[in-house]
N, C-alpha and C. Protein backbone atom coordinates (compact mmCIF):
# COMPACT_ATOMS: atom_id res chain seq x y z
N MET A 1 105.87 111.35 94.56
CA MET A 1 104.59 110.95 93.98
C MET A 1 103.49 111.33 94.96
N ASP A 2 102.49 112.01 94.49
CA ASP A 2 101.38 112.37 95.37
C ASP A 2 100.22 111.39 95.21
N ARG A 3 99.21 111.56 96.05
CA ARG A 3 98.07 110.64 96.05
C ARG A 3 97.35 110.62 94.71
N PHE A 4 97.24 111.79 94.06
CA PHE A 4 96.52 111.84 92.80
C PHE A 4 97.24 111.07 91.71
N HIS A 5 98.56 111.11 91.73
CA HIS A 5 99.32 110.33 90.77
C HIS A 5 99.10 108.83 91.02
N LEU A 6 99.10 108.44 92.30
CA LEU A 6 98.88 107.05 92.65
C LEU A 6 97.50 106.59 92.20
N GLU A 7 96.47 107.40 92.44
CA GLU A 7 95.12 107.04 92.00
C GLU A 7 95.03 106.96 90.49
N HIS A 8 95.73 107.84 89.79
CA HIS A 8 95.73 107.82 88.34
C HIS A 8 96.34 106.53 87.81
N CYS A 9 97.36 106.01 88.51
CA CYS A 9 98.03 104.78 88.07
C CYS A 9 97.19 103.54 88.33
N ASP A 10 96.25 103.62 89.25
CA ASP A 10 95.43 102.47 89.62
C ASP A 10 94.19 102.43 88.74
N ASN A 11 94.37 101.97 87.49
CA ASN A 11 93.24 101.97 86.56
C ASN A 11 92.62 100.59 86.36
N HIS A 12 93.14 99.56 87.01
CA HIS A 12 92.56 98.21 86.90
C HIS A 12 91.54 98.02 88.01
N VAL A 13 90.30 97.73 87.64
CA VAL A 13 89.26 97.46 88.62
C VAL A 13 88.89 95.99 88.51
N PRO A 14 89.15 95.20 89.56
CA PRO A 14 88.84 93.77 89.49
C PRO A 14 87.35 93.53 89.33
N GLU A 15 87.02 92.49 88.59
CA GLU A 15 85.62 92.18 88.35
C GLU A 15 85.01 91.35 89.47
N SER A 16 85.82 90.68 90.25
CA SER A 16 85.30 89.87 91.35
C SER A 16 86.32 89.83 92.48
N VAL A 17 85.90 89.29 93.60
CA VAL A 17 86.81 89.15 94.74
C VAL A 17 87.96 88.23 94.36
N ARG A 18 87.71 87.21 93.57
CA ARG A 18 88.77 86.30 93.14
C ARG A 18 89.84 87.05 92.36
N ASP A 19 89.44 87.96 91.47
CA ASP A 19 90.40 88.76 90.73
C ASP A 19 91.21 89.64 91.67
N LEU A 20 90.56 90.15 92.71
CA LEU A 20 91.23 91.01 93.68
C LEU A 20 92.34 90.25 94.39
N GLU A 21 92.10 88.98 94.70
CA GLU A 21 93.09 88.18 95.43
C GLU A 21 94.33 87.89 94.62
N ILE A 22 94.21 87.81 93.29
CA ILE A 22 95.37 87.43 92.49
C ILE A 22 95.95 88.59 91.69
N SER A 23 95.30 89.76 91.71
CA SER A 23 95.84 90.87 90.94
C SER A 23 97.05 91.46 91.66
N LEU A 24 98.03 91.83 90.87
CA LEU A 24 99.28 92.38 91.39
C LEU A 24 99.55 93.72 90.73
N VAL A 25 100.20 94.60 91.45
CA VAL A 25 100.60 95.89 90.93
C VAL A 25 102.09 96.05 91.18
N SER A 26 102.83 96.39 90.16
CA SER A 26 104.26 96.64 90.33
C SER A 26 104.45 98.03 90.94
N MET A 27 105.46 98.12 91.82
CA MET A 27 105.70 99.38 92.49
C MET A 27 107.21 99.58 92.61
N GLU A 28 107.62 100.80 92.44
CA GLU A 28 109.03 101.14 92.61
C GLU A 28 109.11 102.19 93.71
N ALA A 29 110.00 101.98 94.66
CA ALA A 29 110.13 102.93 95.77
C ALA A 29 111.57 103.00 96.23
N GLU A 30 111.97 104.18 96.66
CA GLU A 30 113.28 104.34 97.28
C GLU A 30 113.11 104.21 98.78
N ILE A 31 114.00 103.43 99.40
CA ILE A 31 113.94 103.24 100.85
C ILE A 31 115.32 103.53 101.43
N PRO A 32 115.38 103.89 102.71
CA PRO A 32 116.69 104.11 103.33
C PRO A 32 117.54 102.84 103.27
N GLU A 33 118.83 103.02 103.13
CA GLU A 33 119.74 101.88 103.00
C GLU A 33 119.66 100.95 104.20
N VAL A 34 119.47 101.51 105.40
CA VAL A 34 119.40 100.68 106.60
C VAL A 34 118.21 99.71 106.52
N LEU A 35 117.09 100.16 105.95
CA LEU A 35 115.95 99.25 105.78
C LEU A 35 116.25 98.18 104.74
N TYR A 36 116.94 98.57 103.68
CA TYR A 36 117.31 97.60 102.65
C TYR A 36 118.21 96.52 103.23
N ARG A 37 119.21 96.94 104.01
CA ARG A 37 120.11 95.95 104.62
C ARG A 37 119.35 95.04 105.58
N GLY A 38 118.45 95.61 106.36
CA GLY A 38 117.65 94.80 107.28
C GLY A 38 116.80 93.79 106.53
N MET A 39 116.18 94.23 105.42
CA MET A 39 115.37 93.33 104.60
C MET A 39 116.23 92.22 104.01
N LYS A 40 117.40 92.59 103.49
CA LYS A 40 118.31 91.62 102.89
C LYS A 40 118.78 90.59 103.92
N ASP A 41 119.12 91.06 105.13
CA ASP A 41 119.56 90.15 106.19
C ASP A 41 118.43 89.20 106.60
N PHE A 42 117.21 89.74 106.74
CA PHE A 42 116.06 88.92 107.13
C PHE A 42 115.80 87.83 106.09
N ILE A 43 115.79 88.21 104.84
CA ILE A 43 115.53 87.24 103.76
C ILE A 43 116.63 86.20 103.71
N GLY A 44 117.87 86.61 103.98
CA GLY A 44 118.98 85.66 104.01
C GLY A 44 118.82 84.61 105.09
N LEU A 45 118.23 85.01 106.22
CA LEU A 45 118.02 84.07 107.33
C LEU A 45 116.71 83.29 107.22
N ASN A 46 115.80 83.75 106.36
CA ASN A 46 114.47 83.14 106.23
C ASN A 46 114.17 82.89 104.75
N PRO A 47 114.71 81.81 104.18
CA PRO A 47 114.57 81.57 102.74
C PRO A 47 113.13 81.36 102.27
N SER A 48 112.19 81.15 103.17
CA SER A 48 110.80 81.01 102.74
C SER A 48 110.16 82.36 102.43
N TRP A 49 110.85 83.46 102.77
CA TRP A 49 110.37 84.81 102.48
C TRP A 49 111.14 85.38 101.31
N ASP A 50 110.53 86.31 100.58
CA ASP A 50 111.24 87.07 99.56
C ASP A 50 110.87 88.54 99.72
N GLN A 51 111.50 89.40 98.93
CA GLN A 51 111.29 90.83 99.09
C GLN A 51 109.83 91.23 98.84
N TYR A 52 109.15 90.53 97.98
CA TYR A 52 107.77 90.87 97.66
C TYR A 52 106.85 90.54 98.84
N GLN A 53 107.04 89.37 99.44
CA GLN A 53 106.24 89.00 100.60
C GLN A 53 106.50 89.94 101.77
N LEU A 54 107.77 90.26 101.98
CA LEU A 54 108.13 91.13 103.10
C LEU A 54 107.49 92.51 102.95
N LEU A 55 107.59 93.11 101.77
CA LEU A 55 107.01 94.42 101.56
C LEU A 55 105.49 94.38 101.64
N SER A 56 104.87 93.36 101.08
CA SER A 56 103.41 93.22 101.16
C SER A 56 102.97 93.09 102.62
N SER A 57 103.71 92.32 103.38
CA SER A 57 103.41 92.13 104.79
C SER A 57 103.54 93.45 105.55
N ALA A 58 104.62 94.18 105.28
CA ALA A 58 104.84 95.46 105.96
C ALA A 58 103.75 96.47 105.63
N ILE A 59 103.34 96.51 104.37
CA ILE A 59 102.28 97.45 103.97
C ILE A 59 100.95 97.05 104.61
N ALA A 60 100.64 95.76 104.63
CA ALA A 60 99.40 95.30 105.25
C ALA A 60 99.39 95.64 106.74
N GLN A 61 100.51 95.43 107.42
CA GLN A 61 100.60 95.74 108.84
C GLN A 61 100.39 97.24 109.07
N PHE A 62 101.03 98.06 108.28
CA PHE A 62 100.88 99.51 108.41
C PHE A 62 99.42 99.92 108.22
N LEU A 63 98.79 99.40 107.18
CA LEU A 63 97.40 99.78 106.89
C LEU A 63 96.46 99.36 108.02
N VAL A 64 96.58 98.14 108.50
CA VAL A 64 95.70 97.65 109.57
C VAL A 64 95.91 98.48 110.84
N GLN A 65 97.17 98.72 111.17
CA GLN A 65 97.45 99.47 112.40
C GLN A 65 97.02 100.93 112.31
N ASN A 66 96.78 101.40 111.10
CA ASN A 66 96.36 102.79 110.92
C ASN A 66 94.90 102.91 110.48
N GLY A 67 94.10 101.87 110.77
CA GLY A 67 92.67 101.99 110.61
C GLY A 67 92.04 101.40 109.36
N CYS A 68 92.80 100.76 108.50
CA CYS A 68 92.22 100.15 107.30
C CYS A 68 91.28 99.01 107.72
N THR A 69 90.09 98.99 107.16
CA THR A 69 89.12 97.96 107.52
C THR A 69 88.82 97.01 106.36
N ASP A 70 89.58 97.09 105.30
CA ASP A 70 89.38 96.21 104.15
C ASP A 70 89.67 94.77 104.58
N ARG A 71 88.73 93.88 104.31
CA ARG A 71 88.84 92.50 104.76
C ARG A 71 90.07 91.79 104.18
N ALA A 72 90.35 92.00 102.91
CA ALA A 72 91.49 91.34 102.28
C ALA A 72 92.81 91.80 102.90
N VAL A 73 92.91 93.08 103.23
CA VAL A 73 94.12 93.60 103.87
C VAL A 73 94.27 92.99 105.26
N THR A 74 93.16 92.93 106.01
CA THR A 74 93.19 92.35 107.35
C THR A 74 93.58 90.88 107.30
N GLU A 75 93.05 90.13 106.34
CA GLU A 75 93.40 88.72 106.20
C GLU A 75 94.89 88.57 105.90
N ARG A 76 95.40 89.41 105.01
CA ARG A 76 96.84 89.35 104.68
C ARG A 76 97.67 89.62 105.93
N TYR A 77 97.27 90.63 106.69
CA TYR A 77 97.98 90.99 107.91
C TYR A 77 97.99 89.82 108.89
N LEU A 78 96.82 89.20 109.12
CA LEU A 78 96.74 88.09 110.08
C LEU A 78 97.50 86.87 109.60
N ASP A 79 97.41 86.55 108.32
CA ASP A 79 98.18 85.42 107.77
C ASP A 79 99.67 85.63 107.98
N ASP A 80 100.15 86.83 107.68
CA ASP A 80 101.57 87.13 107.83
C ASP A 80 101.98 87.19 109.29
N LEU A 81 101.08 87.60 110.15
CA LEU A 81 101.38 87.66 111.58
C LEU A 81 101.72 86.27 112.11
N PHE A 82 100.92 85.28 111.71
CA PHE A 82 101.19 83.91 112.16
C PHE A 82 102.42 83.34 111.47
N THR A 83 102.63 83.67 110.21
CA THR A 83 103.82 83.21 109.50
C THR A 83 105.06 83.78 110.17
N ARG A 84 105.02 85.07 110.53
CA ARG A 84 106.15 85.71 111.19
C ARG A 84 106.42 85.08 112.53
N SER A 85 105.36 84.70 113.27
CA SER A 85 105.55 84.06 114.57
C SER A 85 106.32 82.76 114.42
N GLN A 86 105.98 82.00 113.39
CA GLN A 86 106.66 80.73 113.15
C GLN A 86 108.10 80.97 112.72
N VAL A 87 108.34 82.01 111.91
CA VAL A 87 109.70 82.34 111.47
C VAL A 87 110.53 82.73 112.68
N GLY A 88 109.99 83.56 113.57
CA GLY A 88 110.72 83.99 114.75
C GLY A 88 111.08 82.81 115.63
N ALA A 89 110.18 81.85 115.79
CA ALA A 89 110.47 80.67 116.59
C ALA A 89 111.56 79.84 115.95
N HIS A 90 111.52 79.74 114.61
CA HIS A 90 112.53 78.97 113.88
C HIS A 90 113.91 79.61 114.04
N VAL A 91 113.99 80.93 113.90
CA VAL A 91 115.27 81.63 114.02
C VAL A 91 115.80 81.49 115.44
N GLY A 92 114.90 81.58 116.44
CA GLY A 92 115.31 81.41 117.83
C GLY A 92 115.91 80.04 118.10
N LYS A 93 115.36 79.02 117.48
CA LYS A 93 115.89 77.66 117.65
C LYS A 93 117.27 77.53 117.03
N LEU A 94 117.49 78.23 115.91
CA LEU A 94 118.79 78.14 115.25
C LEU A 94 119.88 78.81 116.07
N SER A 95 119.54 79.88 116.80
CA SER A 95 120.56 80.59 117.54
C SER A 95 120.83 79.99 118.91
N SER A 96 119.99 79.06 119.38
CA SER A 96 120.19 78.46 120.71
C SER A 96 121.26 77.39 120.68
């Protein structure tokens, strides 16, 4: 899929910031099996996460680290950063 196809698929324009926060887009992607297994193992150890949250978090992190300045993306990245910190501390306590 190229960028033009992706832009063509994005035909919903939110009317307000509130709509932007709750609008969702379905996406289908092929990923290497090793990433799938890692995602499955992580979710198995962290029941408060699901595949949708994990992928959204990963995409937000990638975008922020590569120069995205959209406020909503940055907020998502920071929220997930603190959530991940708490998850890591929780997993560390379980293994001690």
